[in-house]
Amino acid sequence: MDDKRYVMTFEQFVLNEAECKKDAKKEDEETDENAALIAMAAKKAKDDMDEAAKTGQEAEEVPAVLYHAIKLEDAEAVKKEGLVPQDEENVFLTDTAKNAEKSTIEQDGDTEIKVLSIDAAKMIEDGLTFDTGLKTGWFAIPAVDSKYIK
C-alpha cells in the first residue's frame, strides 16, 4: 500500500512539474510578445522621426511656460497633488492661458476657472519630455508634479 501511495505522489509530482514547465514556457512567450511590441513601437518612433527629417518637419518647440485651466474648486488640491489625467491618458497643456481657459469652459461649462502656469522649462531640465505631435500649441505629458505648478 505504501508503494502505491508513493507512486501516485510521484505521478502527481511529474504532472505538477510538467504543468510548471508549461506555465514557464507561456510566461516566456508573453515576455517575448511584450518585447516584440516594445521593439515595434521603438521602430515606429524611429521611422516617424526619419520621415519628419525627410519632409523637413520638426517637433514643435516647447515654450518655457505652459498653461492648464481647472475648476476653481480643484485649485488647492491640484497645487498640492499635481495634475493627473482625468479621462485621458495624458494631461494636456497649451501655450496660451486663453486656450487653456477656452478648453476648460468647453469641457466643464460655465464654471469658475483657475488658469495654472506650468514651468515647462524646469520639467525639460529635469528630463521630462512632452508629446508635441498634437494640434499646434498643445502639448501632452502623463502627469505634472505640483513642484512645476506656479
C-alpha atoms as a PDB file:
ATOM      1  CA  MET A   1       0.000   0.000   0.000  1.00  0.00           C
ATOM      2  CA  ASP A   2       2.800   2.425   0.803  1.00  0.00           C
ATOM      3  CA  ASP A   3       4.384   1.743  -2.586  1.00  0.00           C
ATOM      4  CA  LYS A   4       1.165   2.608  -4.366  1.00  0.00           C
ATOM      5  CA  ARG A   5       0.819   5.854  -2.408  1.00  0.00           C
ATOM      6  CA  TYR A   6       4.403   6.744  -3.281  1.00  0.00           C
ATOM      7  CA  VAL A   7       3.823   6.046  -6.970  1.00  0.00           C
ATOM      8  CA  MET A   8       0.728   8.245  -7.014  1.00  0.00           C
ATOM      9  CA  THR A   9       2.614  11.026  -5.280  1.00  0.00           C
ATOM     10  CA  PHE A  10       5.408  10.658  -7.787  1.00  0.00           C
ATOM     11  CA  GLU A  11       2.889  10.771 -10.666  1.00  0.00           C
ATOM     12  CA  GLN A  12       1.388  13.899  -9.185  1.00  0.00           C
ATOM     13  CA  PHE A  13       4.878  15.344  -8.897  1.00  0.00           C
ATOM     14  CA  VAL A  14       5.603  14.588 -12.555  1.00  0.00           C
ATOM     15  CA  LEU A  15       2.282  16.120 -13.626  1.00  0.00           C
ATOM     16  CA  ASN A  16       2.920  19.164 -11.455  1.00  0.00           C
ATOM     17  CA  GLU A  17       6.425  19.581 -12.883  1.00  0.00           C
ATOM     18  CA  ALA A  18       5.063  19.349 -16.427  1.00  0.00           C
ATOM     19  CA  GLU A  19       2.427  21.957 -15.598  1.00  0.00           C
ATOM     20  CA  CYS A  20       5.083  24.255 -14.126  1.00  0.00           C
ATOM     21  CA  LYS A  21       7.212  23.925 -17.270  1.00  0.00           C
ATOM     22  CA  LYS A  22       4.157  24.675 -19.399  1.00  0.00           C
ATOM     23  CA  ASP A  23       3.427  27.805 -17.319  1.00  0.00           C
ATOM     24  CA  ALA A  24       7.060  28.931 -17.543  1.00  0.00           C
ATOM     25  CA  LYS A  25       7.007  28.471 -21.326  1.00  0.00           C
ATOM     26  CA  LYS A  26       3.798  30.526 -21.528  1.00  0.00           C
ATOM     27  CA  GLU A  27       5.384  33.312 -19.432  1.00  0.00           C
ATOM     28  CA  ASP A  28       8.438  33.276 -21.717  1.00  0.00           C
ATOM     29  CA  GLU A  29       6.165  33.597 -24.752  1.00  0.00           C
ATOM     30  CA  GLU A  30       4.319  36.529 -23.152  1.00  0.00           C
ATOM     31  CA  THR A  31       7.635  38.204 -22.327  1.00  0.00           C
ATOM     32  CA  ASP A  32       8.770  37.681 -25.925  1.00  0.00           C
ATOM     33  CA  GLU A  33       5.483  39.147 -27.162  1.00  0.00           C
ATOM     34  CA  ASN A  34       5.894  42.225 -24.932  1.00  0.00           C
ATOM     35  CA  ALA A  35       9.478  42.663 -26.115  1.00  0.00           C
ATOM     36  CA  ALA A  36       8.284  42.437 -29.715  1.00  0.00           C
ATOM     37  CA  LEU A  37       5.616  45.102 -29.091  1.00  0.00           C
ATOM     38  CA  ILE A  38       8.193  47.408 -27.488  1.00  0.00           C
ATOM     39  CA  ALA A  39      10.567  46.855 -30.412  1.00  0.00           C
ATOM     40  CA  MET A  40       7.768  47.624 -32.893  1.00  0.00           C
ATOM     41  CA  ALA A  41       6.906  50.847 -31.030  1.00  0.00           C
ATOM     42  CA  ALA A  42      10.573  51.893 -30.983  1.00  0.00           C
ATOM     43  CA  LYS A  43      10.871  51.166 -34.715  1.00  0.00           C
ATOM     44  CA  LYS A  44       7.730  53.184 -35.443  1.00  0.00           C
ATOM     45  CA  ALA A  45       9.058  56.111 -33.403  1.00  0.00           C
ATOM     46  CA  LYS A  46      12.365  55.950 -35.300  1.00  0.00           C
ATOM     47  CA  ASP A  47      10.543  55.700 -38.638  1.00  0.00           C
ATOM     48  CA  ASP A  48       8.379  58.690 -37.702  1.00  0.00           C
ATOM     49  CA  MET A  49      11.484  60.716 -36.800  1.00  0.00           C
ATOM     50  CA  ASP A  50      13.172  59.671 -40.059  1.00  0.00           C
ATOM     51  CA  GLU A  51      10.057  60.661 -42.034  1.00  0.00           C
ATOM     52  CA  ALA A  52       9.880  64.006 -40.257  1.00  0.00           C
ATOM     53  CA  ALA A  53      13.550  64.614 -41.065  1.00  0.00           C
ATOM     54  CA  LYS A  54      12.949  63.791 -44.759  1.00  0.00           C
ATOM     55  CA  THR A  55       9.988  66.155 -45.027  1.00  0.00           C
ATOM     56  CA  GLY A  56      11.676  68.899 -43.056  1.00  0.00           C
ATOM     57  CA  GLN A  57       9.160  68.672 -40.221  1.00  0.00           C
ATOM     58  CA  GLU A  58      10.475  69.428 -36.787  1.00  0.00           C
ATOM     59  CA  ALA A  59       8.895  68.804 -33.439  1.00  0.00           C
ATOM     60  CA  GLU A  60       7.244  71.898 -32.091  1.00  0.00           C
ATOM     61  CA  GLU A  61       9.470  73.589 -29.553  1.00  0.00           C
ATOM     62  CA  VAL A  62       8.025  73.535 -26.052  1.00  0.00           C
ATOM     63  CA  PRO A  63       7.648  77.027 -24.570  1.00  0.00           C
ATOM     64  CA  ALA A  64       9.200  77.756 -21.171  1.00  0.00           C
ATOM     65  CA  VAL A  65       5.742  78.220 -19.655  1.00  0.00           C
ATOM     66  CA  LEU A  66       2.612  76.248 -20.499  1.00  0.00           C
ATOM     67  CA  TYR A  67      -0.925  76.626 -19.186  1.00  0.00           C
ATOM     68  CA  HIS A  68      -3.686  74.375 -17.896  1.00  0.00           C
ATOM     69  CA  ALA A  69      -7.069  75.553 -16.635  1.00  0.00           C
ATOM     70  CA  ILE A  70      -9.052  73.791 -13.924  1.00  0.00           C
ATOM     71  CA  LYS A  71     -12.210  74.394 -11.939  1.00  0.00           C
ATOM     72  CA  LEU A  72     -11.527  76.902  -9.176  1.00  0.00           C
ATOM     73  CA  GLU A  73     -12.807  74.407  -6.595  1.00  0.00           C
ATOM     74  CA  ASP A  74      -9.993  71.977  -7.566  1.00  0.00           C
ATOM     75  CA  ALA A  75      -7.156  74.534  -7.371  1.00  0.00           C
ATOM     76  CA  GLU A  76      -5.878  73.804  -3.861  1.00  0.00           C
ATOM     77  CA  ALA A  77      -5.836  70.024  -4.352  1.00  0.00           C
ATOM     78  CA  VAL A  78      -4.032  70.350  -7.692  1.00  0.00           C
ATOM     79  CA  LYS A  79      -1.418  72.696  -6.237  1.00  0.00           C
ATOM     80  CA  LYS A  80      -0.694  70.087  -3.537  1.00  0.00           C
ATOM     81  CA  GLU A  81      -1.028  66.871  -5.564  1.00  0.00           C
ATOM     82  CA  GLY A  82      -0.192  67.974  -9.106  1.00  0.00           C
ATOM     83  CA  LEU A  83      -2.079  67.342 -12.336  1.00  0.00           C
ATOM     84  CA  VAL A  84      -3.072  63.818 -13.315  1.00  0.00           C
ATOM     85  CA  PRO A  85      -5.212  62.746 -16.259  1.00  0.00           C
ATOM     86  CA  GLN A  86      -8.940  62.533 -15.617  1.00  0.00           C
ATOM     87  CA  ASP A  87     -10.486  60.794 -18.616  1.00  0.00           C
ATOM     88  CA  GLU A  88      -7.452  60.637 -20.889  1.00  0.00           C
ATOM     89  CA  GLU A  89      -4.016  59.107 -20.602  1.00  0.00           C
ATOM     90  CA  ASN A  90      -2.236  62.470 -20.606  1.00  0.00           C
ATOM     91  CA  VAL A  91      -2.531  65.950 -19.168  1.00  0.00           C
ATOM     92  CA  PHE A  92      -2.909  68.472 -21.963  1.00  0.00           C
ATOM     93  CA  LEU A  93      -1.187  71.828 -21.732  1.00  0.00           C
ATOM     94  CA  THR A  94      -1.261  74.784 -24.089  1.00  0.00           C
ATOM     95  CA  ASP A  95       0.967  77.698 -24.970  1.00  0.00           C
ATOM     96  CA  THR A  96      -1.585  80.384 -24.018  1.00  0.00           C
ATOM     97  CA  ALA A  97      -3.715  80.978 -20.955  1.00  0.00           C
ATOM     98  CA  LYS A  98      -6.621  81.910 -23.237  1.00  0.00           C
ATOM     99  CA  ASN A  99      -6.561  78.482 -24.982  1.00  0.00           C
ATOM    100  CA  ALA A 100      -6.448  76.712 -21.614  1.00  0.00           C
ATOM    101  CA  GLU A 101      -9.402  78.712 -20.310  1.00  0.00           C
ATOM    102  CA  LYS A 102     -11.420  78.219 -23.514  1.00  0.00           C
ATOM    103  CA  SER A 103     -10.830  74.449 -23.486  1.00  0.00           C
ATOM    104  CA  THR A 104     -11.902  74.094 -19.852  1.00  0.00           C
ATOM    105  CA  ILE A 105     -15.057  76.136 -20.427  1.00  0.00           C
ATOM    106  CA  GLU A 106     -15.892  73.897 -23.407  1.00  0.00           C
ATOM    107  CA  GLN A 107     -15.450  70.787 -21.246  1.00  0.00           C
ATOM    108  CA  ASP A 108     -16.877  71.937 -17.927  1.00  0.00           C
ATOM    109  CA  GLY A 109     -19.369  74.595 -18.947  1.00  0.00           C
ATOM    110  CA  ASP A 110     -19.924  77.889 -17.227  1.00  0.00           C
ATOM    111  CA  THR A 111     -17.894  77.479 -14.051  1.00  0.00           C
ATOM    112  CA  GLU A 112     -15.253  79.486 -12.195  1.00  0.00           C
ATOM    113  CA  ILE A 113     -11.840  78.672 -13.630  1.00  0.00           C
ATOM    114  CA  LYS A 114      -8.268  78.971 -12.430  1.00  0.00           C
ATOM    115  CA  VAL A 115      -5.515  79.046 -15.054  1.00  0.00           C
ATOM    116  CA  LEU A 116      -2.313  77.426 -13.851  1.00  0.00           C
ATOM    117  CA  SER A 117       1.143  78.262 -15.165  1.00  0.00           C
ATOM    118  CA  ILE A 118       3.376  75.239 -15.645  1.00  0.00           C
ATOM    119  CA  ASP A 119       7.169  75.577 -15.558  1.00  0.00           C
ATOM    120  CA  ALA A 120       7.822  73.527 -18.703  1.00  0.00           C
ATOM    121  CA  ALA A 121      11.450  74.690 -18.895  1.00  0.00           C
ATOM    122  CA  LYS A 122      12.160  73.176 -15.460  1.00  0.00           C
ATOM    123  CA  MET A 123      10.330  69.977 -16.429  1.00  0.00           C
ATOM    124  CA  ILE A 124      12.532  69.629 -19.518  1.00  0.00           C
ATOM    125  CA  GLU A 125      15.614  70.487 -17.453  1.00  0.00           C
ATOM    126  CA  ASP A 126      14.620  67.638 -15.114  1.00  0.00           C
ATOM    127  CA  GLY A 127      14.492  65.210 -18.051  1.00  0.00           C
ATOM    128  CA  LEU A 128      10.751  65.081 -18.701  1.00  0.00           C
ATOM    129  CA  THR A 129       9.510  65.057 -22.278  1.00  0.00           C
ATOM    130  CA  PHE A 130       6.323  66.296 -23.901  1.00  0.00           C
ATOM    131  CA  ASP A 131       4.344  64.848 -26.767  1.00  0.00           C
ATOM    132  CA  THR A 132       4.460  67.651 -29.332  1.00  0.00           C
ATOM    133  CA  GLY A 133       2.636  65.777 -32.082  1.00  0.00           C
ATOM    134  CA  LEU A 134      -0.693  67.398 -31.244  1.00  0.00           C
ATOM    135  CA  LYS A 135      -2.555  70.320 -32.731  1.00  0.00           C
ATOM    136  CA  THR A 136      -0.252  73.340 -32.841  1.00  0.00           C
ATOM    137  CA  GLY A 137       0.090  74.976 -29.455  1.00  0.00           C
ATOM    138  CA  TRP A 138      -0.922  71.885 -27.485  1.00  0.00           C
ATOM    139  CA  PHE A 139       1.387  69.563 -25.578  1.00  0.00           C
ATOM    140  CA  ALA A 140       0.792  66.354 -23.633  1.00  0.00           C
ATOM    141  CA  ILE A 141       2.532  64.689 -20.700  1.00  0.00           C
ATOM    142  CA  PRO A 142       1.421  61.793 -18.448  1.00  0.00           C
ATOM    143  CA  ALA A 143       1.281  63.995 -15.320  1.00  0.00           C
ATOM    144  CA  VAL A 144       2.560  67.258 -13.846  1.00  0.00           C
ATOM    145  CA  ASP A 145       4.138  67.210 -10.392  1.00  0.00           C
ATOM    146  CA  SER A 146       2.984  70.024  -8.108  1.00  0.00           C
ATOM    147  CA  LYS A 147       6.509  71.455  -7.926  1.00  0.00           C
ATOM    148  CA  TYR A 148       6.147  72.642 -11.549  1.00  0.00           C
ATOM    149  CA  ILE A 149       2.838  74.460 -10.959  1.00  0.00           C
ATOM    150  CA  LYS A 150       3.053  78.192 -10.342  1.00  0.00           C
END
